[in-house]
Every structure is written in structure tokens, then in C-alpha cells.
């Protein structure tokens, strides 16, 4: 498949009067176990990544449309975040959609209103772009199917949605699928591609299909450096090339652990990947740090709890200060007691999200 394979200038609404309508999707965030950090070309990854799809960390996204009243060929859109008009988010979304008009040319024919909200703090390092941009992609593909009946096949629908999501936010490509997804071409996963993600839970050991992921919210504020800026800084990072080779090696080891149910090897790689990600940020030019003192305290406490109890609980971080705790469902009662009585004291206002591996997006 080539980069322009979804460009389609035939997707033009012929009627002068479009029946008003709306579509809504709820799409989850995801946690990368082996990280994607560094890209090239048009949102293409430097290495393959694999992620767990979450359940309780999600974005609700609704697009309402009607016939465009003006004759201008541009994106006409108003965005409301948590029921309040948000011009900053609106401008960003318009820019994203302008980059998709070769795929969905009908977007220039509509007046649209977007309503969106998150179940978790926005821009705090819990991959809000993954949930929001995957939800947007799902809405756009549904609109295409409503207008043209072109995406009735579920597999084709999901692949196109993943492709579109990638163009808006690389990690969003993985949120289209439940349980787990791989993005990036690799010989370890048949059908894998740099252009879209593919589902991979089929051969997973059962223990990982119900894995728990508690998110300890160290800071609900907007992070100081965006992920898009962080990816760009990898271009001049002296450790970039060794990192990409390392990521490919760890990817292979991670997939083997997921297939065999090796929770100890899984956890070791997850923690190494989290620390490597933040080390790459600190080694950038200019260097920056997204972890907070409480992040480090929590990581140390989790490591000590694992040593004291033997429970296979491990930490991860995305591009932010908040801590993800990964552990088997069988240990939930003991781990939750640990979170409530101890770890939550390090969280902002005691906030944590009791999450787990989820089943993927749903149309609302």
C-alpha cells in the first residue's frame, strides 16, 4: 500500500442539500509498552511499537453536520470541549482536517460542530491525542459510509480509520483496536505496516487480556513540552539511531513475553522502555524533563512493593509525569489497597484512574 492509496476525489456529495446528521464515537487511549519516539516522512514511525488499549481513559467525540451555507471551499467547524467553545482546540482540529481533505473531500462541503470531552485530564501525558484523534478518524469514516456506502466491511473500515488516525497523531492509529495493537512494519507481525496499526491480541497469553492498568495522576496540568515537539527533537538526538535498534530488539522480546505469559520479562521491558523514553527527552537539545519528584517516589515505591510481596506489578510512563501501574487481575485487591493507602498520597488531590485492558472504541 502506498501513502496516497486512500486519496479519493470521487467522495463529493452530489446533492445540494445534505440531510443534517451526527455521529458519535467513544475511543480509548492506549499505553505503549514498547514506545514509538521519533518519526520520519508523513507521520511514519522509526521503529515498531506495541500498546495495550485502555478502557476507562477515553474521549467522546461527536460531529454534527449540515449543508454549508457559504461557497468557500474550506473547513467550516466549531469545537466545544466540555460544552465550552475552545478556539485553540478548534484551530488545531481544523488544521488536522485540512490535511485530510484529499481523503475526505466532502469535508469542504459541510458546516460542522464538534463536541468532545475526556474521561481524564487533557494534555497531561495520558495520550489524549491518541483517544481524540482515533475518535475523530472513526467519525470521519462513519460519515463517509453514511454518504457513500463505501466502508461496509469492518476490517476495511478499521484499517482506514487507523490510517487516518495516524495522520492526525501517530499513537492514535493503535487506539482503533481492542486489547492490543502493533504499529510499524516488522517481520514479527504478519500484515504489520508503517501506515496503520493492526490488532495482535489473538495469540496473547490469557493473563494479558485482563491486565490491569492503574493510572496515578501526579499532575493533571498541561505538560511543558508537547509530544510533537519531543518527536521533532529526536532528529538531532545523538542517541536516536541506537535507540531505534534497541526498540526493535525490545519489541521482539516483548512480543515473545506477551505470547508466553511471561509477566516478569514483560514488566522488565515495560520499565526499561519508560525510563528510556524519559532519558531520550533529557538527552535532547534542548533537554527537558517531564517527570516530577512524585513520579520518582512512586516508581521507587512500586519497585519496593514488588520486592516485598512478590506481586508482579510494574510501572510505565508515557510522555508525561503520570505513572501507569501494570499488574495481573488476580492481584487487584492487594494492589488497590496499596494504591489507596499509600500511593494515592503522592497523587494530585489523591487522583488515580482504576483502568485495565479494554475492548476498543464503540459507536455511541
Foldseek 3Di string as FASTA:
>chain_A
DDLLPLQDPVLAFPDQWDDKDKWKKKFFFWAWLQDFFAADDQLFTLAKIKIFTWDQWIKMKMKIKTFDPDPDQAAAEWEDEVNHTDVVVVVLVSVLVVVCCSNNVHRSGIHMYMYMYTSAQPQFFRRHLLRVLLRVLLRSLVVSCVRPVPPPDPVSSLFSSLLSSSSSPNSNLFRQFFGMKMADDDPVDPPHHSRGIDDDLPLFDVQSSWKWKKKFALDSDRFPDGSVVRNVLLVPQPCNVVSNVVSNVLVVQCVVCRNVVVLQSSQVSSQVSQVVSQVSQQRGVVHDGQADPLLVVLQVVQVVVCVVPVFSWHWHGGPHHMIIIIGGPVCVVVVVVCLQPPSLVSGDVSDMDGMTGGGHMDID
